Full PDB file with SEQRES, HELIX, SHEET, SSBOND, CRYST1, ORIGX, SCALE, CONECT and MASTER records, all heavy atoms in Angstrom:
SEQRES   1 A   33  PHE LEU LEU ALA LEU CYS MET LEU ALA LEU CYS ALA CYS          
SEQRES   2 A   33  GLY SER LYS ASP THR ALA LYS ASP GLU THR ASP ASP ASN          
SEQRES   3 A   33  GLN GLN GLN ASP VAL ASP PRO                                  
HELIX    1 AA1 LEU A    2  VAL A   31  1                                  30    
CRYST1    1.000    1.000    1.000  90.00  90.00  90.00 P 1           1          
ORIGX1      1.000000  0.000000  0.000000        0.00000                         
ORIGX2      0.000000  1.000000  0.000000        0.00000                         
ORIGX3      0.000000  0.000000  1.000000        0.00000                         
SCALE1      1.000000  0.000000  0.000000        0.00000                         
SCALE2      0.000000  1.000000  0.000000        0.00000                         
SCALE3      0.000000  0.000000  1.000000        0.00000                         
ATOM      1  N   PHE A   1      35.873  42.887  55.972  1.00  0.00           N  
ATOM      2  CA  PHE A   1      34.819  43.386  55.064  1.00  0.00           C  
ATOM      3  C   PHE A   1      34.403  42.305  54.092  1.00  0.00           C  
ATOM      4  O   PHE A   1      33.217  42.074  53.827  1.00  0.00           O  
ATOM      5  CB  PHE A   1      35.363  44.615  54.328  1.00  0.00           C  
ATOM      6  CG  PHE A   1      34.400  45.157  53.308  1.00  0.00           C  
ATOM      7  CD1 PHE A   1      33.257  45.832  53.710  1.00  0.00           C  
ATOM      8  CD2 PHE A   1      34.630  44.995  51.940  1.00  0.00           C  
ATOM      9  CE1 PHE A   1      32.371  46.333  52.779  1.00  0.00           C  
ATOM     10  CE2 PHE A   1      33.734  45.492  51.024  1.00  0.00           C  
ATOM     11  CZ  PHE A   1      32.607  46.166  51.428  1.00  0.00           C  
ATOM     12  N   LEU A   2      35.422  41.569  53.520  1.00  0.00           N  
ATOM     13  CA  LEU A   2      35.118  40.491  52.564  1.00  0.00           C  
ATOM     14  C   LEU A   2      34.349  39.362  53.239  1.00  0.00           C  
ATOM     15  O   LEU A   2      33.430  38.769  52.658  1.00  0.00           O  
ATOM     16  CB  LEU A   2      36.415  39.946  51.952  1.00  0.00           C  
ATOM     17  CG  LEU A   2      37.153  40.920  51.010  1.00  0.00           C  
ATOM     18  CD1 LEU A   2      38.488  40.299  50.581  1.00  0.00           C  
ATOM     19  CD2 LEU A   2      36.285  41.218  49.776  1.00  0.00           C  
ATOM     20  N   LEU A   3      34.726  39.042  54.472  1.00  0.00           N  
ATOM     21  CA  LEU A   3      34.030  37.988  55.203  1.00  0.00           C  
ATOM     22  C   LEU A   3      32.576  38.370  55.452  1.00  0.00           C  
ATOM     23  O   LEU A   3      31.667  37.546  55.324  1.00  0.00           O  
ATOM     24  CB  LEU A   3      34.764  37.738  56.528  1.00  0.00           C  
ATOM     25  CG  LEU A   3      34.180  36.624  57.398  1.00  0.00           C  
ATOM     26  CD1 LEU A   3      34.192  35.284  56.650  1.00  0.00           C  
ATOM     27  CD2 LEU A   3      34.961  36.502  58.699  1.00  0.00           C  
ATOM     28  N   ALA A   4      32.340  39.604  55.741  1.00  0.00           N  
ATOM     29  CA  ALA A   4      30.972  40.082  55.974  1.00  0.00           C  
ATOM     30  C   ALA A   4      30.148  39.967  54.706  1.00  0.00           C  
ATOM     31  O   ALA A   4      28.969  39.577  54.731  1.00  0.00           O  
ATOM     32  CB  ALA A   4      31.002  41.523  56.463  1.00  0.00           C  
ATOM     33  N   LEU A   5      30.790  40.315  53.541  1.00  0.00           N  
ATOM     34  CA  LEU A   5      30.071  40.197  52.263  1.00  0.00           C  
ATOM     35  C   LEU A   5      29.687  38.750  51.990  1.00  0.00           C  
ATOM     36  O   LEU A   5      28.586  38.445  51.509  1.00  0.00           O  
ATOM     37  CB  LEU A   5      30.952  40.736  51.131  1.00  0.00           C  
ATOM     38  CG  LEU A   5      31.105  42.254  51.037  1.00  0.00           C  
ATOM     39  CD1 LEU A   5      32.064  42.625  49.886  1.00  0.00           C  
ATOM     40  CD2 LEU A   5      29.733  42.910  50.799  1.00  0.00           C  
ATOM     41  N   CYS A   6      30.608  37.824  52.267  1.00  0.00           N  
ATOM     42  CA  CYS A   6      30.313  36.397  52.055  1.00  0.00           C  
ATOM     43  C   CYS A   6      29.149  35.941  52.917  1.00  0.00           C  
ATOM     44  O   CYS A   6      28.275  35.187  52.475  1.00  0.00           O  
ATOM     45  CB  CYS A   6      31.553  35.554  52.374  1.00  0.00           C  
ATOM     46  SG  CYS A   6      32.862  35.732  51.136  1.00  0.00           S  
ATOM     47  N   MET A   7      29.133  36.388  54.155  1.00  0.00           N  
ATOM     48  CA  MET A   7      28.056  35.982  55.056  1.00  0.00           C  
ATOM     49  C   MET A   7      26.720  36.503  54.562  1.00  0.00           C  
ATOM     50  O   MET A   7      25.690  35.806  54.590  1.00  0.00           O  
ATOM     51  CB  MET A   7      28.330  36.506  56.475  1.00  0.00           C  
ATOM     52  CG  MET A   7      29.530  35.837  57.138  1.00  0.00           C  
ATOM     53  SD  MET A   7      29.274  34.066  57.362  1.00  0.00           S  
ATOM     54  CE  MET A   7      27.948  34.104  58.576  1.00  0.00           C  
ATOM     55  N   LEU A   8      26.702  37.745  54.064  1.00  0.00           N  
ATOM     56  CA  LEU A   8      25.472  38.319  53.525  1.00  0.00           C  
ATOM     57  C   LEU A   8      24.999  37.531  52.314  1.00  0.00           C  
ATOM     58  O   LEU A   8      23.803  37.273  52.125  1.00  0.00           O  
ATOM     59  CB  LEU A   8      25.709  39.790  53.157  1.00  0.00           C  
ATOM     60  CG  LEU A   8      25.836  40.756  54.328  1.00  0.00           C  
ATOM     61  CD1 LEU A   8      26.233  42.161  53.812  1.00  0.00           C  
ATOM     62  CD2 LEU A   8      24.506  40.844  55.086  1.00  0.00           C  
ATOM     63  N   ALA A   9      25.959  37.128  51.463  1.00  0.00           N  
ATOM     64  CA  ALA A   9      25.600  36.378  50.256  1.00  0.00           C  
ATOM     65  C   ALA A   9      25.005  35.029  50.618  1.00  0.00           C  
ATOM     66  O   ALA A   9      24.032  34.572  50.030  1.00  0.00           O  
ATOM     67  CB  ALA A   9      26.834  36.195  49.372  1.00  0.00           C  
ATOM     68  N   LEU A  10      25.615  34.362  51.598  1.00  0.00           N  
ATOM     69  CA  LEU A  10      25.088  33.056  52.011  1.00  0.00           C  
ATOM     70  C   LEU A  10      23.688  33.175  52.582  1.00  0.00           C  
ATOM     71  O   LEU A  10      22.803  32.351  52.315  1.00  0.00           O  
ATOM     72  CB  LEU A  10      26.029  32.436  53.057  1.00  0.00           C  
ATOM     73  CG  LEU A  10      27.363  31.914  52.525  1.00  0.00           C  
ATOM     74  CD1 LEU A  10      28.261  31.506  53.700  1.00  0.00           C  
ATOM     75  CD2 LEU A  10      27.135  30.713  51.597  1.00  0.00           C  
ATOM     76  N   CYS A  11      23.443  34.209  53.355  1.00  0.00           N  
ATOM     77  CA  CYS A  11      22.106  34.420  53.925  1.00  0.00           C  
ATOM     78  C   CYS A  11      21.087  34.662  52.833  1.00  0.00           C  
ATOM     79  O   CYS A  11      19.968  34.165  52.858  1.00  0.00           O  
ATOM     80  CB  CYS A  11      22.134  35.602  54.902  1.00  0.00           C  
ATOM     81  SG  CYS A  11      23.037  35.226  56.411  1.00  0.00           S  
ATOM     82  N   ALA A  12      21.516  35.455  51.846  1.00  0.00           N  
ATOM     83  CA  ALA A  12      20.610  35.753  50.734  1.00  0.00           C  
ATOM     84  C   ALA A  12      20.265  34.498  49.969  1.00  0.00           C  
ATOM     85  O   ALA A  12      19.116  34.255  49.598  1.00  0.00           O  
ATOM     86  CB  ALA A  12      21.246  36.797  49.811  1.00  0.00           C  
ATOM     87  N   CYS A  13      21.270  33.658  49.699  1.00  0.00           N  
ATOM     88  CA  CYS A  13      21.027  32.398  48.979  1.00  0.00           C  
ATOM     89  C   CYS A  13      20.089  31.513  49.769  1.00  0.00           C  
ATOM     90  O   CYS A  13      19.194  30.875  49.228  1.00  0.00           O  
ATOM     91  CB  CYS A  13      22.347  31.672  48.724  1.00  0.00           C  
ATOM     92  SG  CYS A  13      23.370  32.488  47.467  1.00  0.00           S  
ATOM     93  N   GLY A  14      20.331  31.459  51.095  1.00  0.00           N  
ATOM     94  CA  GLY A  14      19.464  30.632  51.928  1.00  0.00           C  
ATOM     95  C   GLY A  14      18.041  31.104  51.890  1.00  0.00           C  
ATOM     96  O   GLY A  14      17.104  30.322  51.825  1.00  0.00           O  
ATOM     97  N   SER A  15      17.876  32.432  51.898  1.00  0.00           N  
ATOM     98  CA  SER A  15      16.521  32.991  51.855  1.00  0.00           C  
ATOM     99  C   SER A  15      15.850  32.647  50.546  1.00  0.00           C  
ATOM    100  O   SER A  15      14.678  32.299  50.479  1.00  0.00           O  
ATOM    101  CB  SER A  15      16.576  34.502  52.053  1.00  0.00           C  
ATOM    102  OG  SER A  15      17.114  34.792  53.321  1.00  0.00           O  
ATOM    103  N   LYS A  16      16.633  32.741  49.453  1.00  0.00           N  
ATOM    104  CA  LYS A  16      16.057  32.445  48.137  1.00  0.00           C  
ATOM    105  C   LYS A  16      15.672  30.972  48.044  1.00  0.00           C  
ATOM    106  O   LYS A  16      14.633  30.618  47.523  1.00  0.00           O  
ATOM    107  CB  LYS A  16      17.067  32.800  47.045  1.00  0.00           C  
ATOM    108  CG  LYS A  16      17.242  34.285  46.837  1.00  0.00           C  
ATOM    109  CD  LYS A  16      18.269  34.571  45.754  1.00  0.00           C  
ATOM    110  CE  LYS A  16      18.460  36.067  45.565  1.00  0.00           C  
ATOM    111  NZ  LYS A  16      19.472  36.357  44.532  1.00  0.00           N  
ATOM    112  N   ASP A  17      16.583  30.101  48.593  1.00  0.00           N  
ATOM    113  CA  ASP A  17      16.284  28.668  48.534  1.00  0.00           C  
ATOM    114  C   ASP A  17      15.032  28.336  49.345  1.00  0.00           C  
ATOM    115  O   ASP A  17      14.183  27.536  48.934  1.00  0.00           O  
ATOM    116  CB  ASP A  17      17.463  27.859  49.046  1.00  0.00           C  
ATOM    117  CG  ASP A  17      18.628  27.887  48.064  1.00  0.00           C  
ATOM    118  OD1 ASP A  17      18.400  28.233  46.879  1.00  0.00           O  
ATOM    119  OD2 ASP A  17      19.752  27.551  48.494  1.00  0.00           O  
ATOM    120  N   THR A  18      14.947  28.978  50.543  1.00  0.00           N  
ATOM    121  CA  THR A  18      13.774  28.738  51.384  1.00  0.00           C  
ATOM    122  C   THR A  18      12.512  29.197  50.699  1.00  0.00           C  
ATOM    123  O   THR A  18      11.486  28.516  50.682  1.00  0.00           O  
ATOM    124  CB  THR A  18      13.935  29.456  52.727  1.00  0.00           C  
ATOM    125  OG1 THR A  18      15.108  28.973  53.373  1.00  0.00           O  
ATOM    126  CG2 THR A  18      12.723  29.221  53.613  1.00  0.00           C  
ATOM    127  N   ALA A  19      12.599  30.400  50.115  1.00  0.00           N  
ATOM    128  CA  ALA A  19      11.435  30.929  49.400  1.00  0.00           C  
ATOM    129  C   ALA A  19      11.061  30.023  48.239  1.00  0.00           C  
ATOM    130  O   ALA A  19       9.892  29.786  47.963  1.00  0.00           O  
ATOM    131  CB  ALA A  19      11.732  32.341  48.895  1.00  0.00           C  
ATOM    132  N   LYS A  20      12.127  29.519  47.525  1.00  0.00           N  
ATOM    133  CA  LYS A  20      11.873  28.636  46.393  1.00  0.00           C  
ATOM    134  C   LYS A  20      11.203  27.348  46.867  1.00  0.00           C  
ATOM    135  O   LYS A  20      10.266  26.857  46.253  1.00  0.00           O  
ATOM    136  CB  LYS A  20      13.187  28.304  45.679  1.00  0.00           C  
ATOM    137  CG  LYS A  20      13.024  27.421  44.438  1.00  0.00           C  
ATOM    138  CD  LYS A  20      14.355  27.204  43.753  1.00  0.00           C  
ATOM    139  CE  LYS A  20      14.205  26.389  42.472  1.00  0.00           C  
ATOM    140  NZ  LYS A  20      13.635  25.080  42.735  1.00  0.00           N  
ATOM    141  N   ASP A  21      11.713  26.800  48.014  1.00  0.00           N  
ATOM    142  CA  ASP A  21      11.123  25.578  48.544  1.00  0.00           C  
ATOM    143  C   ASP A  21       9.667  25.802  48.911  1.00  0.00           C  
ATOM    144  O   ASP A  21       8.795  24.958  48.649  1.00  0.00           O  
ATOM    145  CB  ASP A  21      11.895  25.103  49.772  1.00  0.00           C  
ATOM    146  CG  ASP A  21      13.266  24.567  49.387  1.00  0.00           C  
ATOM    147  OD1 ASP A  21      13.470  24.243  48.184  1.00  0.00           O  
ATOM    148  OD2 ASP A  21      14.119  24.463  50.298  1.00  0.00           O  
ATOM    149  N   GLU A  22       9.391  26.959  49.550  1.00  0.00           N  
ATOM    150  CA  GLU A  22       8.015  27.255  49.929  1.00  0.00           C  
ATOM    151  C   GLU A  22       7.133  27.399  48.706  1.00  0.00           C  
ATOM    152  O   GLU A  22       5.996  26.925  48.678  1.00  0.00           O  
ATOM    153  CB  GLU A  22       7.978  28.529  50.783  1.00  0.00           C  
ATOM    154  CG  GLU A  22       8.599  28.351  52.159  1.00  0.00           C  
ATOM    155  CD  GLU A  22       8.641  29.657  52.927  1.00  0.00           C  
ATOM    156  OE1 GLU A  22       8.304  30.713  52.328  1.00  0.00           O  
ATOM    157  OE2 GLU A  22       8.991  29.610  54.113  1.00  0.00           O  
ATOM    158  N   THR A  23       7.667  28.052  47.665  1.00  0.00           N  
ATOM    159  CA  THR A  23       6.905  28.208  46.420  1.00  0.00           C  
ATOM    160  C   THR A  23       6.625  26.855  45.790  1.00  0.00           C  
ATOM    161  O   THR A  23       5.523  26.572  45.337  1.00  0.00           O  
ATOM    162  CB  THR A  23       7.681  29.095  45.434  1.00  0.00           C  
ATOM    163  OG1 THR A  23       7.905  30.365  46.038  1.00  0.00           O  
ATOM    164  CG2 THR A  23       6.894  29.266  44.137  1.00  0.00           C  
ATOM    165  N   ASP A  24       7.664  25.982  45.779  1.00  0.00           N  
ATOM    166  CA  ASP A  24       7.492  24.645  45.205  1.00  0.00           C  
ATOM    167  C   ASP A  24       6.436  23.863  45.964  1.00  0.00           C  
ATOM    168  O   ASP A  24       5.604  23.157  45.386  1.00  0.00           O  
ATOM    169  CB  ASP A  24       8.812  23.886  45.219  1.00  0.00           C  
ATOM    170  CG  ASP A  24       9.800  24.438  44.203  1.00  0.00           C  
ATOM    171  OD1 ASP A  24       9.370  25.195  43.295  1.00  0.00           O  
ATOM    172  OD2 ASP A  24      10.997  24.101  44.307  1.00  0.00           O  
ATOM    173  N   ASP A  25       6.485  23.999  47.331  1.00  0.00           N  
ATOM    174  CA  ASP A  25       5.493  23.288  48.143  1.00  0.00           C  
ATOM    175  C   ASP A  25       4.093  23.773  47.834  1.00  0.00           C  
ATOM    176  O   ASP A  25       3.145  22.990  47.708  1.00  0.00           O  
ATOM    177  CB  ASP A  25       5.791  23.489  49.631  1.00  0.00           C  
ATOM    178  CG  ASP A  25       7.016  22.694  50.075  1.00  0.00           C  
ATOM    179  OD1 ASP A  25       7.416  21.760  49.344  1.00  0.00           O  
ATOM    180  OD2 ASP A  25       7.551  23.012  51.159  1.00  0.00           O  
ATOM    181  N   ASN A  26       3.952  25.109  47.722  1.00  0.00           N  
ATOM    182  CA  ASN A  26       2.632  25.669  47.416  1.00  0.00           C  
ATOM    183  C   ASN A  26       2.140  25.212  46.058  1.00  0.00           C  
ATOM    184  O   ASN A  26       0.972  24.874  45.874  1.00  0.00           O  
ATOM    185  CB  ASN A  26       2.676  27.203  47.471  1.00  0.00           C  
ATOM    186  CG  ASN A  26       2.857  27.700  48.892  1.00  0.00           C  
ATOM    187  OD1 ASN A  26       2.517  27.001  49.849  1.00  0.00           O  
ATOM    188  ND2 ASN A  26       3.397  28.909  49.029  1.00  0.00           N  
ATOM    189  N   GLN A  27       3.090  25.219  45.070  1.00  0.00           N  
ATOM    190  CA  GLN A  27       2.715  24.774  43.739  1.00  0.00           C  
ATOM    191  C   GLN A  27       2.314  23.304  43.760  1.00  0.00           C  
ATOM    192  O   GLN A  27       1.365  22.888  43.108  1.00  0.00           O  
ATOM    193  CB  GLN A  27       3.881  24.998  42.767  1.00  0.00           C  
ATOM    194  CG  GLN A  27       4.110  26.464  42.422  1.00  0.00           C  
ATOM    195  CD  GLN A  27       5.335  26.662  41.545  1.00  0.00           C  
ATOM    196  OE1 GLN A  27       6.170  25.763  41.432  1.00  0.00           O  
ATOM    197  NE2 GLN A  27       5.437  27.840  40.933  1.00  0.00           N  
ATOM    198  N   GLN A  28       3.047  22.482  44.568  1.00  0.00           N  
ATOM    199  CA  GLN A  28       2.724  21.066  44.664  1.00  0.00           C  
ATOM    200  C   GLN A  28       1.329  20.887  45.253  1.00  0.00           C  
ATOM    201  O   GLN A  28       0.542  20.061  44.805  1.00  0.00           O  
ATOM    202  CB  GLN A  28       3.758  20.358  45.535  1.00  0.00           C  
ATOM    203  CG  GLN A  28       3.564  18.849  45.641  1.00  0.00           C  
ATOM    204  CD  GLN A  28       3.730  18.152  44.315  1.00  0.00           C  
ATOM    205  OE1 GLN A  28       4.554  18.549  43.516  1.00  0.00           O  
ATOM    206  NE2 GLN A  28       2.928  17.121  44.085  1.00  0.00           N  
ATOM    207  N   GLN A  29       1.004  21.687  46.291  1.00  0.00           N  
ATOM    208  CA  GLN A  29      -0.320  21.605  46.896  1.00  0.00           C  
ATOM    209  C   GLN A  29      -1.394  22.003  45.898  1.00  0.00           C  
ATOM    210  O   GLN A  29      -2.469  21.415  45.860  1.00  0.00           O  
ATOM    211  CB  GLN A  29      -0.391  22.499  48.128  1.00  0.00           C  
ATOM    212  CG  GLN A  29       0.469  21.972  49.284  1.00  0.00           C  
ATOM    213  CD  GLN A  29       0.491  22.944  50.442  1.00  0.00           C  
ATOM    214  OE1 GLN A  29      -0.192  23.966  50.415  1.00  0.00           O  
ATOM    215  NE2 GLN A  29       1.274  22.635  51.458  1.00  0.00           N  
ATOM    216  N   ASP A  30      -1.097  22.998  45.053  1.00  0.00           N  
ATOM    217  CA  ASP A  30      -2.090  23.464  44.096  1.00  0.00           C  
ATOM    218  C   ASP A  30      -2.402  22.416  43.036  1.00  0.00           C  
ATOM    219  O   ASP A  30      -3.525  22.338  42.543  1.00  0.00           O  
ATOM    220  CB  ASP A  30      -1.605  24.753  43.411  1.00  0.00           C  
ATOM    221  CG  ASP A  30      -1.581  25.929  44.376  1.00  0.00           C  
ATOM    222  OD1 ASP A  30      -2.269  25.845  45.417  1.00  0.00           O  
ATOM    223  OD2 ASP A  30      -0.889  26.912  44.084  1.00  0.00           O  
ATOM    224  N   VAL A  31      -1.391  21.620  42.682  1.00  0.00           N  
ATOM    225  CA  VAL A  31      -1.600  20.667  41.590  1.00  0.00           C  
ATOM    226  C   VAL A  31      -1.958  19.279  42.091  1.00  0.00           C  
ATOM    227  O   VAL A  31      -2.147  18.370  41.288  1.00  0.00           O  
ATOM    228  CB  VAL A  31      -0.354  20.570  40.677  1.00  0.00           C  
ATOM    229  CG1 VAL A  31      -0.056  21.914  40.049  1.00  0.00           C  
ATOM    230  CG2 VAL A  31       0.855  20.044  41.467  1.00  0.00           C  
ATOM    231  N   ASP A  32      -2.036  19.082  43.424  1.00  0.00           N  
ATOM    232  CA  ASP A  32      -2.458  17.784  43.932  1.00  0.00           C  
ATOM    233  C   ASP A  32      -3.840  17.453  43.391  1.00  0.00           C  
ATOM    234  O   ASP A  32      -4.765  18.275  43.487  1.00  0.00           O  
ATOM    235  CB  ASP A  32      -2.510  17.794  45.460  1.00  0.00           C  
ATOM    236  CG  ASP A  32      -1.133  17.610  46.071  1.00  0.00           C  
ATOM    237  OD1 ASP A  32      -0.201  17.231  45.343  1.00  0.00           O  
ATOM    238  OD2 ASP A  32      -1.012  17.849  47.276  1.00  0.00           O  
ATOM    239  N   PRO A  33      -4.020  16.265  42.818  1.00  0.00           N  
ATOM    240  CA  PRO A  33      -5.326  15.922  42.248  1.00  0.00           C  
ATOM    241  C   PRO A  33      -6.374  15.748  43.338  1.00  0.00           C  
ATOM    242  O   PRO A  33      -6.100  15.206  44.399  1.00  0.00           O  
ATOM    243  CB  PRO A  33      -5.058  14.600  41.524  1.00  0.00           C  
ATOM    244  CG  PRO A  33      -3.879  14.009  42.243  1.00  0.00           C  
ATOM    245  CD  PRO A  33      -3.037  15.183  42.668  1.00  0.00           C  
TER     246      PRO A  33                                                      
MASTER        0    0    0    1    0    0    0    6  245    1    0    3          
END                                                                             
């Protein structure tokens, strides 16, 4: 059960990081002169 919780947490972090990276990329594109 604990191992399953860890795996879920890692997936969630990865999703957040990916989303953050995508947001950063979009923001970078928006501010390109």
